């Protein structure tokens, strides 16, 4: 009986550890503005992320970023020219005024995953972004934002949400508070948990380093 209990306990503990592991896999999403739509793919493995940009006409990966969040390093790849460039981490963006963050309690299912609504508004910048956040051990996301230090409002405002570690926005909508018009929309189109090959985070051997 004791052995049976211990076996069950170890099995349960193993399940808990497995379920708590950080996300590894692929996330596809698209970004829509008033003038363009661009598709992207995240490849995530541990402290490394590869971000591919898909060409609207070619439908192929035209450019990539390889980000190592442990070393805060960024590599930019041009696949057509077979070149790569080492890039410094971006400087932190500065927000004017103060953001008001609200967790509405609303939920919706996106790509089969339950998401919770957060609204971040800044009257001084006349911008409001609504996020539908999924909680599924996406530990890479906020670490990635700190390395990239992107200046766009969607990336800056989501970092104002407290207690959002491990979350990822499956849908976001940026609205101009003066015109009440949507200016930017980002939406996850596919999520796949799977093992990602380490080769995804390596520069191909036939690529040359770009010299300024």
Protein backbone atom coordinates (compact mmCIF):
# COMPACT_ATOMS: atom_id res chain seq x y z
CA UNK A 1 0.00 0.00 0.00
CA UNK A 2 2.84 2.37 0.92
CA UNK A 3 4.67 1.61 -2.34
CA UNK A 4 1.46 2.22 -4.30
CA UNK A 5 0.94 5.56 -2.56
CA UNK A 6 4.53 6.65 -3.24
CA UNK A 7 4.27 5.65 -6.91
CA UNK A 8 1.10 7.70 -7.28
CA UNK A 9 2.70 10.66 -5.48
CA UNK A 10 5.76 10.63 -7.75
CA UNK A 11 3.56 10.33 -10.83
CA UNK A 12 1.46 13.31 -9.71
CA UNK A 13 4.58 15.36 -8.92
CA UNK A 14 5.99 14.58 -12.35
CA UNK A 15 2.76 15.75 -13.98
CA UNK A 16 2.89 19.02 -12.04
CA UNK A 17 6.50 19.66 -13.05
CA UNK A 18 5.72 18.92 -16.69
CA UNK A 19 2.70 21.23 -16.71
CA UNK A 20 4.78 24.03 -15.17
CA UNK A 21 7.45 23.93 -17.86
CA UNK A 22 7.90 27.06 -19.96
CA UNK A 23 6.33 27.09 -23.41
CA UNK A 24 8.38 25.59 -26.23
CA UNK A 25 7.03 25.63 -29.75
CA UNK A 26 5.75 27.88 -32.51
CA UNK A 27 3.38 30.85 -32.40
CA UNK A 28 2.13 32.41 -35.62
CA UNK A 29 0.52 35.85 -35.61
CA UNK A 30 -0.37 38.74 -37.88
CA UNK A 31 -0.11 42.48 -37.40
CA UNK A 32 -2.62 44.73 -39.15
CA UNK A 33 -2.29 48.49 -39.48
CA UNK A 34 -4.37 50.97 -41.45
CA UNK A 35 -2.05 50.47 -44.42
CA UNK A 36 -0.56 46.96 -44.21
CA UNK A 37 -0.76 43.40 -42.87
CA UNK A 38 2.37 41.46 -41.93
CA UNK A 39 2.64 37.85 -40.77
CA UNK A 40 5.21 36.67 -38.24
CA UNK A 41 6.32 33.41 -36.63
CA UNK A 42 7.87 32.97 -33.18
CA UNK A 43 10.06 29.90 -32.59
CA UNK A 44 10.61 29.55 -28.85
CA UNK A 45 13.04 27.32 -26.97
CA UNK A 46 14.31 28.11 -23.48
CA UNK A 47 16.03 31.51 -23.48
CA UNK A 48 16.08 31.75 -27.27
CA UNK A 49 13.51 33.15 -29.67
CA UNK A 50 13.58 33.36 -33.44
CA UNK A 51 11.18 35.81 -35.06
CA UNK A 52 10.50 35.29 -38.78
CA UNK A 53 8.81 37.86 -41.00
CA UNK A 54 6.81 36.44 -43.90
CA UNK A 55 6.78 38.42 -47.16
CA UNK A 56 3.32 39.42 -48.33
CA UNK A 57 4.09 38.59 -51.96
CA UNK A 58 6.63 35.79 -51.65
CA UNK A 59 4.86 34.09 -48.71
CA UNK A 60 8.36 33.07 -47.63
CA UNK A 61 10.54 33.98 -44.67
CA UNK A 62 12.37 37.09 -45.88
CA UNK A 63 13.95 38.29 -42.63
CA UNK A 64 14.60 36.91 -39.17
CA UNK A 65 15.75 37.98 -35.73
CA UNK A 66 17.49 35.55 -33.40
CA UNK A 67 17.29 36.74 -29.80
CA UNK A 68 19.19 35.21 -26.89
CA UNK A 69 17.58 36.48 -23.68
CA UNK A 70 20.36 35.11 -21.49
CA UNK A 71 23.06 37.16 -23.23
CA UNK A 72 20.74 40.00 -24.39
CA UNK A 73 22.05 39.52 -27.93
CA UNK A 74 20.18 40.09 -31.20
CA UNK A 75 21.09 38.84 -34.67
CA UNK A 76 19.32 40.11 -37.77
CA UNK A 77 19.28 37.84 -40.84
CA UNK A 78 18.62 38.73 -44.47
CA UNK A 79 17.86 35.46 -46.23
CA UNK A 80 17.81 36.85 -49.75
CA UNK A 81 21.28 38.40 -49.38
CA UNK A 82 22.56 35.67 -47.03
CA UNK A 83 23.83 38.23 -44.55
CA UNK A 84 23.61 38.60 -40.79
CA UNK A 85 24.11 41.58 -38.52
CA UNK A 86 24.78 41.82 -34.80
CA UNK A 87 22.41 44.37 -33.27
CA UNK A 88 22.57 46.07 -29.88
CA UNK A 89 19.59 45.80 -27.56
CA UNK A 90 17.23 48.74 -27.98
CA UNK A 91 17.05 51.64 -25.55
CA UNK A 92 14.01 51.59 -23.23
CA UNK A 93 10.98 53.49 -24.50
CA UNK A 94 9.56 56.33 -22.41
CA UNK A 95 5.84 56.71 -21.84
CA UNK A 96 4.28 60.12 -21.44
CA UNK A 97 1.77 60.43 -18.63
CA UNK A 98 0.42 57.46 -16.69
CA UNK A 99 -1.34 54.36 -17.93
CA UNK A 100 -4.58 53.16 -16.36
CA UNK A 101 -4.78 49.37 -16.27
CA UNK A 102 -8.05 47.48 -15.85
CA UNK A 103 -8.70 43.75 -15.70
CA UNK A 104 -12.29 43.54 -16.87
CA UNK A 105 -12.99 39.93 -15.90
CA UNK A 106 -14.17 39.19 -19.45
CA UNK A 107 -12.84 36.04 -21.09
CA UNK A 108 -12.89 34.52 -24.56
CA UNK A 109 -11.38 31.47 -26.20
CA UNK A 110 -8.81 32.12 -28.94
CA UNK A 111 -7.13 29.25 -30.78
CA UNK A 112 -8.62 26.90 -28.20
CA UNK A 113 -7.05 28.75 -25.25
CA UNK A 114 -8.92 30.80 -22.63
CA UNK A 115 -7.86 34.45 -22.59
CA UNK A 116 -8.60 37.24 -20.10
CA UNK A 117 -9.24 40.86 -21.09
CA UNK A 118 -7.05 43.74 -19.91
CA UNK A 119 -7.49 47.37 -21.00
CA UNK A 120 -4.57 49.82 -20.79
CA UNK A 121 -5.37 53.47 -21.50
CA UNK A 122 -3.25 56.61 -21.48
CA UNK A 123 -5.25 59.85 -21.95
CA UNK A 124 -2.10 61.94 -22.38
CA UNK A 125 -0.92 59.85 -25.31
CA UNK A 126 -4.52 59.44 -26.47
CA UNK A 127 -4.05 55.69 -26.85
CA UNK A 128 -5.90 52.67 -25.50
CA UNK A 129 -4.87 49.06 -26.05
CA UNK A 130 -7.11 46.11 -25.26
CA UNK A 131 -5.33 42.80 -24.68
CA UNK A 132 -6.68 39.26 -24.48
CA UNK A 133 -4.01 37.52 -22.43
CA UNK A 134 -3.44 33.76 -22.31
CA UNK A 135 -1.82 32.15 -19.26
CA UNK A 136 0.09 29.08 -20.35
CA UNK A 137 3.71 29.48 -19.16
CA UNK A 138 4.74 31.88 -21.93
CA UNK A 139 7.68 32.94 -19.78
CA UNK A 140 9.71 34.15 -22.75
CA UNK A 141 7.43 37.02 -23.75
CA UNK A 142 8.18 39.75 -21.21
CA UNK A 143 11.88 38.80 -21.18
CA UNK A 144 11.87 39.24 -24.95
CA UNK A 145 10.26 42.68 -24.73
CA UNK A 146 12.96 43.85 -22.31
CA UNK A 147 15.69 42.81 -24.74
CA UNK A 148 14.04 44.30 -27.82
CA UNK A 149 12.74 47.47 -26.10
CA UNK A 150 10.28 48.04 -28.91
CA UNK A 151 8.82 51.54 -29.14
CA UNK A 152 5.35 50.64 -30.42
CA UNK A 153 2.50 51.25 -28.00
CA UNK A 154 1.27 47.65 -27.95
CA UNK A 155 4.66 46.44 -26.70
CA UNK A 156 5.06 49.31 -24.22
CA UNK A 157 1.55 49.26 -22.75
CA UNK A 158 1.41 45.50 -22.11
CA UNK A 159 4.37 45.90 -19.76
CA UNK A 160 2.21 48.11 -17.54
CA UNK A 161 0.09 45.09 -16.55
CA UNK A 162 1.20 43.83 -13.14
CA UNK A 163 1.22 40.11 -12.41
CA UNK A 164 1.27 39.21 -16.11
CA UNK A 165 4.38 37.03 -15.99
CA UNK A 166 3.86 33.89 -18.05
CA UNK A 167 1.11 35.50 -20.13
CA UNK A 168 1.02 36.18 -23.88
CA UNK A 169 -1.41 38.46 -25.77
CA UNK A 170 -3.38 36.34 -28.22
CA UNK A 171 -5.22 39.41 -29.45
CA UNK A 172 -4.59 43.14 -29.04
CA UNK A 173 -6.32 46.20 -30.44
CA UNK A 174 -4.82 49.68 -30.32
CA UNK A 175 -7.33 52.53 -30.59
CA UNK A 176 -6.85 56.27 -30.97
CA UNK A 177 -8.93 57.85 -28.19
CA UNK A 178 -9.59 61.00 -30.23
CA UNK A 179 -10.91 59.33 -33.38
CA UNK A 180 -12.01 56.10 -31.64
CA UNK A 181 -10.51 54.24 -34.61
CA UNK A 182 -8.46 51.08 -34.47
CA UNK A 183 -4.90 51.75 -35.64
CA UNK A 184 -3.12 48.46 -34.93
CA UNK A 185 -4.40 44.94 -34.41
CA UNK A 186 -2.31 41.88 -33.60
CA UNK A 187 -3.79 38.38 -33.53
CA UNK A 188 -2.41 34.89 -32.94
CA UNK A 189 -3.39 32.61 -35.82
CA UNK A 190 -1.74 29.36 -34.71
CA UNK A 191 -0.09 27.90 -31.59
CA UNK A 192 1.80 24.62 -31.57
CA UNK A 193 3.67 23.14 -28.62
CA UNK A 194 6.57 21.07 -29.91
CA UNK A 195 10.31 20.55 -29.69
CA UNK A 196 12.16 23.21 -31.65
CA UNK A 197 15.45 22.29 -33.32
CA UNK A 198 18.48 24.18 -31.97
CA UNK A 199 19.47 24.85 -35.58
CA UNK A 200 16.67 27.42 -35.77
CA UNK A 201 18.80 29.69 -33.58
CA UNK A 202 22.02 29.33 -35.53
CA UNK A 203 23.27 31.45 -38.43
CA UNK A 204 23.58 29.30 -41.59
CA UNK A 205 27.22 28.56 -42.45
CA UNK A 206 26.99 30.20 -45.89
CA UNK A 207 25.83 33.56 -44.45
CA UNK A 208 28.32 36.40 -44.26
CA UNK A 209 28.55 39.00 -41.50
CA UNK A 210 27.41 42.41 -42.70
CA UNK A 211 30.11 45.04 -42.32
CA UNK A 212 28.99 48.66 -42.04
